[in-house]
Amino acid sequence: MKRVRTEQIQYAVAQYLKRRQYVDTDGSLKGAKLFQSTEELAAGLTVQTESGCANIVSAAPCQPDPQQYESQFSRLRCFLSETEISYAQEVSSLLYPLFVYLHLDMVHCGLKGAVDGFYVRFHDAFLHDAEQRSVVEQLRHVVTAQDVAANPKLRSFLEHKYVVHLTEPAHSYLLRYLQSEDNSALCRVLSTHLQVEVTASRRTEYQLYGTAGGSMAAPNSISASWVGVGGAEGGEGVEVPAGIPQNEVALLALQDCIKKVREGPPSLTTICFYAFHHTEQMLNTAEVSPDSRLLAAGFDSSAVKLWSLRARKLKARPHQADVSYIHLACDVQEEEVDEEDGCGSEIKMLRGHSGPVYRTAFLTDSSGLLSCSEDTTIRYWDLGSFTNTVLYQGHTYPVWDLDVSPCSLYFASSSHDRTARLWTFSRTYPLRLYVGHLSDVDCVKFHPNSNYLATGSTDKTVRLWSTQQGQSVRLFTGHRGTVLSLAFSPNGKYLASAGEDQRVKLWDLAAGTLFKDLRGHTDSITSLSFSPDSSLVVSSSIDNSVRVWDIRNTHGGTPADGSSSELVGLYVGNTSNVLNVQFMSCNLLLVTGTALEKTEQ
């Protein structure tokens, strides 16, 4: 019945095409199928999959153009050498086998002139490695197919596939490049002569990788080997490095060492201290940018100052659009030349507020800066032009604190008006209003997943809010003074709070209970910060000390000064006040404060 109906439909279509005066409609429809069996459908999907963009390596043809070999290989080498992406070095392991196989392919096609130019231009890059140099030097005298057949080592290149191991991100990086331009010659070699083994994840630094002889290889090294056409390993005189742990005893010893490091007492962090001198204008806040390039400070004079922490002056970018001048391709862009002795300066003054600046906060990519002030406003400063581009208004009283969400999608503020507010950078009005505290909201902090927001208040409580719904989901009580600082652990399990009662309290967010109460400071605590692995919490205080606490275990007795046993580090500087502590990468702790000025006798 299905076949009869199909023939009727095909006949109706043929009659319609004839009325429209289409030629040879019977021939065009002859053999056409309006339905497919399960086997035919599966075969069609397989063809589509194998010829898709993801498999561009196995689907690209190669035309015998003498110039395409040199141009495509040169373009790939320049692309990998100029980029700063970490995957580029991993993909660079393909350059040597590509050079060999492109040379042999040109010999096979009889392109003698192109072979000589290709060899002379690129062979120097492969003379540093002894094994590669021996093969490259043999290619110098190979100009015909008979020369290749007479050379056993070069013949093994054609009889076996060269295996290169790439991680999944590096393989995706390679495919994106191959799809960007015409790379038909490279794709043909990759499909015919190379076998790219893609690993699901990058090797970690805790794994052992050694050769059969017991020597160790770098954790991120690329291992290459040969396999036969049928998949069996082979190749004459080719050493195949092992890619899996060989020594189980060494592996167990390494795991034991890792366990001891994790469970043992932590190593003290490296501290970098930035001290401000001659702060007659009353310094209120200081913060270092996430990329450690800028230092921002807010003063009672309503000014925000920026310092460069690199050996380069701060210089505003030129305006992107200048309607009075049209740049042509032949023009020399003199304003883009970065001169050390140009018009830049070591300090930039940002003016716009009409009251003391209480807090500054950098975006996660360090492209912008937020500041809040007694004038009830929040301002966004573009760090490319060092100008104020957005003014956020909504609070009715001074704004005490700011915090930017981990991905810089939102920012939150806390104010003397007893509220905290959620903002987005594209709107000048708040998106959410968090009401519940009975007094000033002095500090605010985003949870690492951005779904929750913590606030500390003069009413001696800490509240945890749902960012989207605006409801209070946790209420932590126990402080005996104003809460001045908050910090979430990077793993999202704990919240640290501190303030005028000189105690650091750690709260278990899941249970909603107090986890630890750390004592030791003798004055109000101004700032808190967690280490990247969530094992350490650092606190700074007006008592001019910075204390490091290990929240995992107790590794020692009670210190002589009566501090909690979790104290593992105490740093005291020649300062009058420590304003801020920030954990950066590589276990580096940045501390900012005001220097203790010497009194004249």
Protein backbone atom coordinates (compact mmCIF):
# COMPACT_ATOMS: atom_id res chain seq x y z
CA MET A 1 0.00 0.00 0.00
CA LYS A 2 2.89 2.34 0.84
CA ARG A 3 4.53 1.66 -2.53
CA VAL A 4 1.32 2.36 -4.47
CA ARG A 5 0.89 5.67 -2.67
CA THR A 6 4.52 6.58 -3.37
CA GLU A 7 4.08 5.94 -7.08
CA GLN A 8 0.95 8.09 -7.08
CA ILE A 9 2.81 10.96 -5.48
CA GLN A 10 5.70 10.61 -7.91
CA TYR A 11 3.30 10.58 -10.89
CA ALA A 12 1.51 13.70 -9.62
CA VAL A 13 4.82 15.55 -9.23
CA ALA A 14 5.90 14.54 -12.76
CA GLN A 15 2.64 15.80 -14.27
CA TYR A 16 2.97 19.11 -12.44
CA LEU A 17 6.54 19.60 -13.72
CA LYS A 18 5.42 18.85 -17.27
CA ARG A 19 2.70 21.50 -17.06
CA ARG A 20 5.39 23.95 -15.94
CA GLN A 21 7.40 22.96 -19.04
CA TYR A 22 10.36 21.45 -17.14
CA VAL A 23 12.53 19.26 -19.40
CA ASP A 24 13.36 15.60 -18.75
CA THR A 25 11.28 15.35 -15.65
CA ASP A 26 11.03 11.58 -15.97
CA GLY A 27 14.83 11.25 -16.05
CA SER A 28 15.30 13.53 -13.08
CA LEU A 29 12.81 11.60 -10.99
CA LYS A 30 13.98 8.21 -12.12
CA GLY A 31 15.46 6.38 -9.21
CA ALA A 32 14.40 9.08 -6.72
CA LYS A 33 13.20 7.84 -3.35
CA LEU A 34 10.60 9.57 -1.25
CA PHE A 35 11.20 7.31 1.72
CA GLN A 36 14.24 5.63 3.25
CA SER A 37 14.73 2.45 5.13
CA THR A 38 16.38 2.40 8.57
CA GLU A 39 19.67 1.19 7.11
CA GLU A 40 19.70 3.91 4.45
CA LEU A 41 18.93 6.61 7.01
CA ALA A 42 21.77 5.43 9.27
CA ALA A 43 24.19 5.41 6.36
CA GLY A 44 23.17 8.94 5.39
CA LEU A 45 23.70 10.21 8.91
CA THR A 46 27.11 8.58 9.00
CA VAL A 47 28.14 10.34 5.81
CA GLN A 48 26.92 13.67 7.16
CA THR A 49 28.79 13.16 10.41
CA GLU A 50 32.05 12.14 8.78
CA SER A 51 31.93 15.10 6.39
CA GLY A 52 30.94 17.71 8.99
CA CYS A 53 33.00 20.59 10.32
CA ALA A 54 34.18 18.57 13.29
CA ASN A 55 35.89 16.15 10.93
CA ILE A 56 37.39 18.69 8.59
CA VAL A 57 40.76 16.95 8.90
CA SER A 58 39.45 13.83 7.18
CA ALA A 59 37.37 15.55 4.52
CA ALA A 60 39.62 18.14 2.88
CA PRO A 61 40.93 17.55 -0.66
CA CYS A 62 44.35 18.56 -1.89
CA GLN A 63 45.09 20.19 -5.24
CA PRO A 64 48.60 19.85 -6.74
CA ASP A 65 49.35 23.58 -6.47
CA PRO A 66 53.11 24.04 -5.96
CA GLN A 67 52.67 27.17 -3.80
CA GLN A 68 50.03 25.86 -1.42
CA TYR A 69 52.45 23.67 0.53
CA GLU A 70 54.83 26.48 1.44
CA SER A 71 52.17 29.12 2.04
CA GLN A 72 49.95 26.96 4.24
CA PHE A 73 52.83 25.61 6.33
CA SER A 74 54.31 29.09 6.73
CA ARG A 75 50.94 30.49 7.80
CA LEU A 76 50.50 27.77 10.42
CA ARG A 77 54.00 28.24 11.83
CA CYS A 78 53.57 32.01 12.09
CA PHE A 79 50.17 31.58 13.72
CA LEU A 80 51.54 29.27 16.41
CA SER A 81 54.64 31.36 17.09
CA GLU A 82 52.85 34.70 17.40
CA THR A 83 49.97 33.66 19.64
CA GLU A 84 50.33 33.57 23.43
CA ILE A 85 47.71 30.88 24.05
CA SER A 86 49.06 27.89 25.96
CA TYR A 87 47.54 25.45 23.45
CA ALA A 88 49.74 26.83 20.67
CA GLN A 89 52.87 25.19 22.10
CA GLU A 90 51.06 21.87 22.28
CA VAL A 91 49.86 22.11 18.67
CA SER A 92 53.41 23.01 17.61
CA SER A 93 54.34 19.35 17.99
CA LEU A 94 52.61 18.83 14.62
CA LEU A 95 55.07 21.03 12.73
CA TYR A 96 57.81 18.39 12.44
CA PRO A 97 55.66 15.56 11.00
CA LEU A 98 53.84 18.05 8.77
CA PHE A 99 57.17 19.28 7.38
CA VAL A 100 58.32 15.73 6.60
CA TYR A 101 55.06 14.58 5.02
CA LEU A 102 54.56 17.77 2.99
CA HIS A 103 58.08 17.34 1.62
CA LEU A 104 57.40 13.71 0.70
CA ASP A 105 54.04 14.62 -0.82
CA MET A 106 55.67 17.23 -3.08
CA VAL A 107 58.24 14.64 -4.14
CA HIS A 108 55.42 12.22 -4.95
CA CYS A 109 53.68 14.89 -7.07
CA GLY A 110 56.91 15.69 -8.95
CA LEU A 111 57.18 19.30 -7.77
CA LYS A 112 60.99 19.51 -7.79
CA GLY A 113 61.23 23.31 -7.76
CA ALA A 114 58.77 23.65 -4.90
CA VAL A 115 60.57 20.92 -2.92
CA ASP A 116 63.89 22.80 -2.94
CA GLY A 117 62.34 26.11 -1.88
CA PHE A 118 60.26 24.45 0.83
CA TYR A 119 63.26 22.63 2.29
CA VAL A 120 65.57 25.67 2.26
CA ARG A 121 63.00 27.88 3.97
CA PHE A 122 61.89 25.64 6.84
CA HIS A 123 64.51 22.95 7.55
CA ASP A 124 66.48 25.10 10.05
CA ALA A 125 63.65 24.91 12.59
CA PHE A 126 64.15 21.14 13.07
CA LEU A 127 67.93 20.91 13.46
CA HIS A 128 67.99 21.33 17.25
CA ASP A 129 66.67 17.85 18.05
CA ALA A 130 69.08 15.03 17.16
CA GLU A 131 66.45 12.58 15.90
CA GLN A 132 64.64 15.21 13.87
CA ARG A 133 67.91 16.49 12.41
CA SER A 134 68.85 13.03 11.13
CA VAL A 135 65.57 12.73 9.24
CA VAL A 136 65.61 16.31 7.93
CA GLU A 137 69.16 15.94 6.60
CA GLN A 138 68.12 12.83 4.67
CA LEU A 139 65.32 14.82 3.02
CA ARG A 140 67.87 17.18 1.45
CA HIS A 141 68.83 14.67 -1.26
CA VAL A 142 65.33 13.25 -1.86
CA VAL A 143 63.83 14.71 -5.02
CA THR A 144 62.20 11.68 -6.69
CA ALA A 145 59.93 8.82 -5.65
CA GLN A 146 62.80 6.40 -6.28
CA ASP A 147 64.89 8.24 -3.66
CA VAL A 148 62.11 7.76 -1.09
CA ALA A 149 61.80 4.06 -1.89
CA ALA A 150 65.54 3.58 -1.46
CA ASN A 151 65.58 5.18 2.00
CA PRO A 152 64.28 2.79 4.74
CA LYS A 153 63.63 5.49 7.30
CA LEU A 154 61.67 7.72 4.94
CA ARG A 155 59.81 4.69 3.62
CA SER A 156 58.69 3.92 7.16
CA PHE A 157 57.14 7.39 7.32
CA LEU A 158 54.86 6.46 4.42
CA GLU A 159 54.12 2.94 5.65
CA HIS A 160 53.12 3.98 9.17
CA LYS A 161 51.08 6.76 10.65
CA TYR A 162 52.75 9.28 12.93
CA VAL A 163 50.84 9.55 16.23
CA VAL A 164 50.57 12.84 18.10
CA HIS A 165 48.76 13.17 21.43
CA LEU A 166 46.78 16.36 21.99
CA THR A 167 44.45 17.40 24.75
CA GLU A 168 40.86 18.13 23.85
CA PRO A 169 41.21 21.96 24.06
CA ALA A 170 44.33 21.88 21.88
CA HIS A 171 42.58 19.66 19.32
CA SER A 172 39.63 22.06 19.17
CA TYR A 173 42.09 24.93 18.79
CA LEU A 174 43.70 23.15 15.81
CA LEU A 175 40.34 22.47 14.15
CA ARG A 176 39.28 26.10 14.49
CA TYR A 177 42.45 27.16 12.72
CA LEU A 178 42.01 24.63 9.90
CA GLN A 179 38.48 25.90 9.31
CA SER A 180 39.53 29.55 9.23
CA GLU A 181 41.28 29.54 5.81
CA ASP A 182 42.22 27.28 2.93
CA ASN A 183 44.43 24.60 4.49
CA SER A 184 43.75 21.78 2.07
CA ALA A 185 47.36 20.54 1.92
CA LEU A 186 47.63 20.40 5.72
CA CYS A 187 44.28 18.64 6.01
CA ARG A 188 45.30 16.01 3.45
CA VAL A 189 48.50 15.20 5.31
CA LEU A 190 46.71 15.12 8.67
CA SER A 191 44.11 12.75 7.26
CA THR A 192 46.47 10.44 5.37
CA HIS A 193 49.68 10.25 7.37
CA LEU A 194 48.98 11.46 10.92
CA GLN A 195 46.88 10.04 13.72
CA VAL A 196 45.86 12.61 16.33
CA GLU A 197 45.01 10.98 19.65
CA VAL A 198 42.74 13.27 21.70
CA THR A 199 42.74 12.92 25.48
CA ALA A 200 39.62 13.92 27.38
CA SER A 201 41.44 16.00 29.99
CA ARG A 202 44.81 17.59 30.48
CA ARG A 203 47.34 15.63 32.50
CA THR A 204 47.68 16.87 36.05
CA GLU A 205 50.91 17.66 37.82
CA TYR A 206 50.36 14.77 40.22
CA GLN A 207 50.62 12.03 37.59
CA LEU A 208 53.76 10.09 36.70
CA TYR A 209 54.79 9.77 33.05
CA GLY A 210 57.92 7.83 32.28
CA THR A 211 59.62 5.90 29.55
CA ALA A 212 60.27 2.19 29.61
CA GLY A 213 63.75 2.92 30.93
CA GLY A 214 62.39 4.58 34.01
CA SER A 215 63.20 8.19 33.14
CA MET A 216 60.60 10.81 33.91
CA ALA A 217 58.90 13.04 31.35
CA ALA A 218 57.32 16.41 31.95
CA PRO A 219 53.66 16.24 32.93
CA ASN A 220 52.58 18.35 29.97
CA SER A 221 54.94 16.88 27.40
CA ILE A 222 53.62 15.56 24.11
CA SER A 223 54.42 11.94 23.37
CA ALA A 224 54.63 10.79 19.76
CA SER A 225 54.82 7.26 18.39
CA TRP A 226 54.25 5.17 15.27
CA VAL A 227 51.39 2.87 14.41
CA GLY A 228 50.99 0.71 11.37
CA VAL A 229 48.29 1.18 8.80
CA GLY A 230 46.28 -1.57 10.44
CA GLY A 231 46.67 0.00 13.88
CA ALA A 232 49.63 -2.11 15.12
CA GLU A 233 52.62 -0.28 16.48
CA GLY A 234 55.79 -0.43 14.44
CA GLY A 235 58.50 1.55 12.70
CA GLU A 236 62.20 0.89 12.35
CA GLY A 237 64.45 2.31 15.01
CA VAL A 238 61.73 4.50 16.55
CA GLU A 239 61.50 4.75 20.32
CA VAL A 240 57.97 4.95 21.67
CA PRO A 241 57.75 6.79 25.01
CA ALA A 242 55.21 5.41 27.43
CA GLY A 243 52.21 7.57 28.22
CA ILE A 244 50.98 5.88 31.37
CA PRO A 245 52.43 5.49 34.86
CA GLN A 246 55.09 2.77 34.80
CA ASN A 247 56.25 2.57 38.40
CA GLU A 248 53.40 1.78 40.78
CA VAL A 249 55.67 2.12 43.81
CA ALA A 250 56.63 5.66 42.81
CA LEU A 251 52.98 6.46 42.16
CA LEU A 252 51.96 5.28 45.63
CA ALA A 253 54.80 7.28 47.17
CA LEU A 254 53.69 10.38 45.32
CA GLN A 255 50.08 9.93 46.47
CA ASP A 256 51.31 9.54 50.04
CA CYS A 257 53.27 12.79 49.75
CA ILE A 258 50.23 14.61 48.38
CA LYS A 259 48.15 13.33 51.30
CA LYS A 260 50.73 14.54 53.81
CA VAL A 261 50.84 17.96 52.20
CA ARG A 262 47.06 18.30 52.26
CA GLU A 263 46.62 17.09 55.82
CA GLY A 264 49.79 18.58 57.28
CA PRO A 265 50.38 22.14 58.46
CA PRO A 266 50.17 24.63 55.59
CA SER A 267 53.14 26.50 54.22
CA LEU A 268 53.06 30.18 55.07
CA THR A 269 52.12 32.50 52.27
CA THR A 270 54.34 35.16 50.72
CA ILE A 271 53.24 38.66 51.69
CA CYS A 272 53.67 41.85 49.67
CA PHE A 273 52.90 45.03 51.63
CA TYR A 274 51.95 48.38 50.02
CA ALA A 275 52.22 51.26 52.49
CA PHE A 276 50.87 54.75 51.88
CA HIS A 277 52.91 57.67 53.20
CA HIS A 278 51.75 61.22 53.98
CA THR A 279 48.04 60.43 53.81
CA GLU A 280 46.91 63.73 55.29
CA GLN A 281 43.76 63.48 53.18
CA MET A 282 42.54 60.48 55.18
CA LEU A 283 42.82 57.27 53.18
CA ASN A 284 39.64 55.17 53.44
CA THR A 285 40.22 52.21 51.12
CA ALA A 286 42.87 50.61 48.92
CA GLU A 287 42.69 47.64 46.55
CA VAL A 288 44.92 45.94 43.98
CA SER A 289 43.47 44.90 40.61
CA PRO A 290 43.06 41.16 39.86
CA ASP A 291 45.89 41.30 37.31
CA SER A 292 48.19 43.01 39.88
CA ARG A 293 48.80 45.95 37.56
CA LEU A 294 46.93 48.77 39.31
CA LEU A 295 46.44 50.01 42.85
CA ALA A 296 43.33 52.08 43.58
CA ALA A 297 42.69 54.16 46.69
CA GLY A 298 39.76 56.28 47.87
CA PHE A 299 40.20 59.41 49.98
CA ASP A 300 38.16 61.78 52.11
CA SER A 301 38.87 64.48 49.52
CA SER A 302 36.35 62.72 47.19
CA ALA A 303 39.19 61.65 44.89
CA VAL A 304 40.10 58.21 43.60
CA LYS A 305 43.78 57.70 42.81
CA LEU A 306 45.34 55.03 40.61
CA TRP A 307 48.96 53.86 40.72
CA SER A 308 50.71 51.65 38.21
CA LEU A 309 52.42 48.66 39.85
CA ARG A 310 54.35 47.89 36.67
CA ALA A 311 57.33 49.71 35.19
CA ARG A 312 55.01 51.51 32.78
CA LYS A 313 53.19 54.80 33.02
CA LEU A 314 49.42 55.08 32.93
CA LYS A 315 48.30 56.37 29.56
CA ALA A 316 44.76 56.79 28.28
CA ARG A 317 43.87 55.08 25.03
CA PRO A 318 43.09 57.35 22.07
CA HIS A 319 39.48 57.81 21.14
CA GLN A 320 38.25 55.04 18.88
CA ALA A 321 36.16 57.35 16.66
CA ASP A 322 37.51 60.64 15.30
CA VAL A 323 35.11 62.07 12.74
CA SER A 324 37.54 64.81 11.77
CA TYR A 325 40.16 62.40 10.47
CA ILE A 326 39.88 59.24 8.41
CA HIS A 327 42.63 56.64 8.78
CA LEU A 328 43.74 55.02 5.57
CA ALA A 329 45.54 51.71 5.25
CA CYS A 330 48.77 53.47 4.28
CA ASP A 331 48.75 55.82 7.31
CA VAL A 332 51.18 55.30 10.17
CA GLN A 333 49.27 55.12 13.42
CA GLU A 334 51.64 57.11 15.58
CA GLU A 335 49.27 57.29 18.53
CA GLU A 336 49.36 53.50 18.87
CA VAL A 337 53.11 53.42 19.49
CA ASP A 338 53.70 52.77 23.18
CA GLU A 339 56.57 54.98 24.30
CA GLU A 340 57.93 54.75 27.80
CA ASP A 341 58.60 58.48 27.97
CA GLY A 342 55.28 59.48 26.41
CA CYS A 343 52.56 61.63 27.91
CA GLY A 344 51.59 59.01 30.51
CA SER A 345 51.95 59.48 34.26
CA GLU A 346 52.59 57.21 37.22
CA ILE A 347 49.43 58.40 39.05
CA LYS A 348 45.96 59.09 37.72
CA MET A 349 43.46 61.20 39.65
CA LEU A 350 39.80 60.31 39.12
CA ARG A 351 37.44 63.09 40.19
CA GLY A 352 33.66 62.98 40.12
CA HIS A 353 32.37 62.29 43.62
CA SER A 354 31.29 65.14 45.91
CA GLY A 355 32.03 63.34 49.17
CA PRO A 356 34.50 60.93 50.77
CA VAL A 357 35.09 57.71 48.81
CA TYR A 358 34.62 54.69 51.07
CA ARG A 359 35.20 51.75 48.73
CA THR A 360 36.64 50.86 45.33
CA ALA A 361 36.18 47.57 43.46
CA PHE A 362 37.82 46.38 40.24
CA LEU A 363 36.04 44.27 37.63
CA THR A 364 37.34 40.73 37.37
CA ASP A 365 39.09 41.51 34.06
CA SER A 366 40.53 44.79 35.44
CA SER A 367 38.91 46.77 32.64
CA GLY A 368 36.90 49.02 34.92
CA LEU A 369 36.62 50.35 38.47
CA LEU A 370 33.63 51.03 40.70
CA SER A 371 33.64 53.54 43.56
CA CYS A 372 31.05 54.47 46.16
CA SER A 373 30.84 57.61 48.21
CA GLU A 374 29.11 59.59 50.91
CA ASP A 375 27.31 61.46 48.12
CA THR A 376 24.97 58.38 47.81
CA THR A 377 26.22 57.54 44.29
CA ILE A 378 28.22 54.80 42.64
CA ARG A 379 30.47 55.63 39.70
CA TYR A 380 31.98 53.43 37.01
CA TRP A 381 35.41 54.42 35.70
CA ASP A 382 36.71 53.20 32.36
CA LEU A 383 40.36 52.28 32.91
CA GLY A 384 41.12 52.61 29.21
CA SER A 385 40.35 56.33 29.10
CA PHE A 386 40.39 56.98 32.89
CA THR A 387 37.04 58.72 32.72
CA ASN A 388 33.73 58.34 34.53
CA THR A 389 31.28 56.78 32.08
CA VAL A 390 28.30 55.74 34.25
CA LEU A 391 26.61 57.17 37.36
CA TYR A 392 24.43 54.83 39.42
CA GLN A 393 21.86 56.39 41.73
CA GLY A 394 19.39 54.69 44.06
CA HIS A 395 20.59 54.91 47.63
CA THR A 396 19.36 57.77 49.77
CA TYR A 397 22.26 57.80 52.24
CA PRO A 398 26.05 57.21 52.05
CA VAL A 399 27.16 53.99 50.35
CA TRP A 400 29.63 52.08 52.51
CA ASP A 401 30.66 49.04 50.46
CA LEU A 402 30.72 47.48 46.99
CA ASP A 403 31.37 44.02 45.56
CA VAL A 404 31.51 42.73 41.98
CA SER A 405 30.16 39.28 41.10
CA PRO A 406 32.72 36.64 40.00
CA CYS A 407 31.93 37.06 36.28
CA SER A 408 31.33 40.84 36.46
CA LEU A 409 27.68 40.43 35.49
CA TYR A 410 26.37 42.20 38.58
CA PHE A 411 27.59 44.28 41.47
CA ALA A 412 26.09 44.90 44.90
CA SER A 413 26.18 47.87 47.27
CA SER A 414 25.43 48.44 50.94
CA SER A 415 24.40 51.71 52.52
CA HIS A 416 23.54 53.74 55.59
CA ASP A 417 19.90 53.50 54.46
CA ARG A 418 19.82 49.94 55.95
CA THR A 419 19.55 48.27 52.54
CA ALA A 420 21.71 46.41 50.07
CA ARG A 421 21.04 46.66 46.35
CA LEU A 422 21.82 44.58 43.28
CA TRP A 423 22.89 46.35 40.08
CA THR A 424 23.85 45.47 36.55
CA PHE A 425 26.34 47.52 34.56
CA SER A 426 23.87 48.24 31.76
CA ARG A 427 21.22 49.82 34.05
CA THR A 428 21.58 52.92 36.21
CA TYR A 429 18.89 51.75 38.63
CA PRO A 430 19.00 48.78 41.04
CA LEU A 431 17.50 45.42 40.05
CA ARG A 432 16.89 44.09 43.59
CA LEU A 433 16.47 45.64 47.02
CA TYR A 434 17.49 43.61 50.09
CA VAL A 435 15.68 44.86 53.21
CA GLY A 436 15.85 43.29 56.66
CA HIS A 437 18.70 44.77 58.69
CA LEU A 438 17.82 47.09 61.55
CA SER A 439 20.78 49.42 61.05
CA ASP A 440 23.52 50.32 58.56
CA VAL A 441 24.58 47.62 56.12
CA ASP A 442 28.35 48.01 56.36
CA CYS A 443 29.65 45.25 54.07
CA VAL A 444 28.45 43.09 51.20
CA LYS A 445 29.95 40.07 49.42
CA PHE A 446 28.94 37.73 46.55
CA HIS A 447 29.00 33.96 46.92
CA PRO A 448 31.34 32.27 44.37
CA ASN A 449 28.32 30.94 42.43
CA SER A 450 26.67 34.40 42.40
CA ASN A 451 23.37 32.89 43.57
CA TYR A 452 23.73 34.27 47.08
CA LEU A 453 24.71 37.56 48.64
CA ALA A 454 25.98 38.12 52.19
CA THR A 455 25.60 41.34 54.16
CA GLY A 456 26.99 42.47 57.52
CA SER A 457 25.40 45.20 59.59
CA THR A 458 25.75 47.49 62.56
CA ASP A 459 22.90 45.48 64.10
CA LYS A 460 25.57 42.78 64.78
CA THR A 461 24.03 40.24 62.40
CA VAL A 462 25.05 38.62 59.10
CA ARG A 463 22.40 37.76 56.53
CA LEU A 464 22.57 35.51 53.48
CA TRP A 465 20.22 36.51 50.64
CA SER A 466 18.98 34.81 47.50
CA THR A 467 20.36 37.04 44.74
CA GLN A 468 17.45 36.59 42.33
CA GLN A 469 14.51 36.28 44.72
CA GLY A 470 15.70 38.94 47.18
CA GLN A 471 14.77 36.85 50.22
CA SER A 472 16.85 36.24 53.33
CA VAL A 473 17.77 32.54 53.51
CA ARG A 474 20.18 32.58 56.48
CA LEU A 475 20.53 34.75 59.59
CA PHE A 476 23.77 34.45 61.58
CA THR A 477 23.89 35.97 65.06
CA GLY A 478 26.71 35.97 67.57
CA HIS A 479 28.81 39.06 66.95
CA ARG A 480 29.04 41.57 69.76
CA GLY A 481 29.81 44.54 67.55
CA THR A 482 29.43 45.96 64.08
CA VAL A 483 30.30 43.53 61.26
CA LEU A 484 32.82 45.28 59.03
CA SER A 485 34.12 42.56 56.69
CA LEU A 486 32.93 39.38 54.96
CA ALA A 487 34.61 36.70 52.84
CA PHE A 488 33.35 33.49 51.18
CA SER A 489 35.63 30.48 50.81
CA PRO A 490 36.31 29.70 47.13
CA ASN A 491 34.72 26.25 47.54
CA GLY A 492 31.51 27.96 48.67
CA LYS A 493 31.18 26.06 51.95
CA TYR A 494 32.07 28.73 54.50
CA LEU A 495 31.45 32.40 55.21
CA ALA A 496 33.86 34.40 57.34
CA SER A 497 32.73 37.53 59.16
CA ALA A 498 34.56 39.95 61.45
CA GLY A 499 34.28 43.44 62.86
CA GLU A 500 34.51 45.54 65.97
CA ASP A 501 34.28 42.60 68.41
CA GLN A 502 37.82 41.53 67.30
CA ARG A 503 36.66 37.99 66.45
CA VAL A 504 36.71 36.09 63.13
CA LYS A 505 33.68 33.84 62.90
CA LEU A 506 33.39 31.06 60.34
CA TRP A 507 29.87 29.95 59.41
CA ASP A 508 28.90 26.63 57.83
CA LEU A 509 26.49 27.69 55.10
CA ALA A 510 24.88 24.29 54.61
CA ALA A 511 24.14 23.75 58.30
CA GLY A 512 23.60 27.42 59.09
CA THR A 513 25.72 27.16 62.26
CA LEU A 514 28.96 28.55 63.64
CA PHE A 515 31.95 26.49 62.51
CA LYS A 516 34.87 28.27 64.21
CA ASP A 517 35.42 31.33 66.39
CA LEU A 518 38.94 32.71 65.97
CA ARG A 519 40.35 35.10 68.54
CA GLY A 520 43.65 36.96 68.65
CA HIS A 521 43.22 40.51 67.35
CA THR A 522 43.19 43.37 69.83
CA ASP A 523 41.29 45.91 67.74
CA SER A 524 38.62 46.08 65.04
CA ILE A 525 39.14 43.76 62.07
CA THR A 526 39.07 45.57 58.73
CA SER A 527 39.45 42.90 56.04
CA LEU A 528 39.22 39.14 55.38
CA SER A 529 40.41 36.93 52.53
CA PHE A 530 40.48 33.17 51.81
CA SER A 531 43.31 31.32 50.12
CA PRO A 532 42.51 29.79 46.70
CA ASP A 533 42.30 26.28 48.20
CA SER A 534 39.94 27.45 51.00
CA SER A 535 42.30 26.14 53.70
CA LEU A 536 43.54 29.48 55.02
CA VAL A 537 41.76 32.67 56.01
CA VAL A 538 43.68 35.90 56.54
CA SER A 539 42.49 38.83 58.64
CA SER A 540 43.83 42.37 59.04
CA SER A 541 43.15 44.73 61.88
CA ILE A 542 43.60 48.26 63.13
CA ASP A 543 46.04 46.74 65.64
CA ASN A 544 48.55 46.74 62.71
CA SER A 545 48.69 42.95 62.44
CA VAL A 546 47.89 40.44 59.75
CA ARG A 547 46.99 36.96 61.00
CA VAL A 548 46.82 33.72 59.02
CA TRP A 549 44.46 31.00 60.26
CA ASP A 550 44.28 27.35 59.20
CA ILE A 551 40.60 26.39 59.30
CA ARG A 552 41.13 22.69 58.48
CA ASN A 553 42.85 21.29 61.56
CA THR A 554 44.70 22.28 64.69
CA HIS A 555 48.40 21.57 64.21
CA GLY A 556 49.86 23.19 67.30
CA GLY A 557 49.20 24.32 70.83
CA THR A 558 47.66 27.56 71.99
CA PRO A 559 49.92 30.57 71.21
CA ALA A 560 51.43 32.51 74.09
CA ASP A 561 49.31 35.59 73.39
CA GLY A 562 46.08 33.65 73.92
CA SER A 563 45.12 33.44 70.25
CA SER A 564 43.17 30.51 68.87
CA SER A 565 45.15 27.38 68.07
CA GLU A 566 44.28 27.76 64.37
CA LEU A 567 46.73 30.68 64.13
CA VAL A 568 49.67 29.70 61.90
CA GLY A 569 51.11 33.10 60.97
CA LEU A 570 51.37 36.57 62.48
CA TYR A 571 52.78 39.57 60.63
CA VAL A 572 53.25 42.98 62.22
CA GLY A 573 54.51 45.95 60.21
CA ASN A 574 55.50 49.52 60.86
CA THR A 575 52.03 50.76 60.06
CA SER A 576 49.30 52.81 61.65
CA ASN A 577 46.44 50.91 60.01
CA VAL A 578 46.03 47.87 57.76
CA LEU A 579 43.19 48.48 55.30
CA ASN A 580 42.90 45.45 53.05
CA VAL A 581 44.20 41.91 52.46
CA GLN A 582 43.85 40.08 49.14
CA PHE A 583 44.91 36.56 48.20
CA MET A 584 46.25 36.41 44.66
CA SER A 585 47.52 33.52 42.56
CA CYS A 586 50.72 31.63 43.38
CA ASN A 587 49.97 31.81 47.13
CA LEU A 588 50.70 35.57 47.17
CA LEU A 589 49.02 37.80 49.75
CA LEU A 590 48.78 41.52 49.04
CA VAL A 591 48.36 43.86 52.02
CA THR A 592 47.63 47.58 51.84
CA GLY A 593 47.76 50.07 54.69
CA THR A 594 49.01 53.43 55.90
CA ALA A 595 52.60 53.80 57.01
CA LEU A 596 53.50 54.93 60.50
CA GLU A 597 54.93 58.41 60.10
CA LYS A 598 57.99 59.38 62.12
CA THR A 599 57.44 62.20 64.60
CA GLU A 600 59.97 64.99 64.64
CA GLN A 601 61.91 65.40 67.85
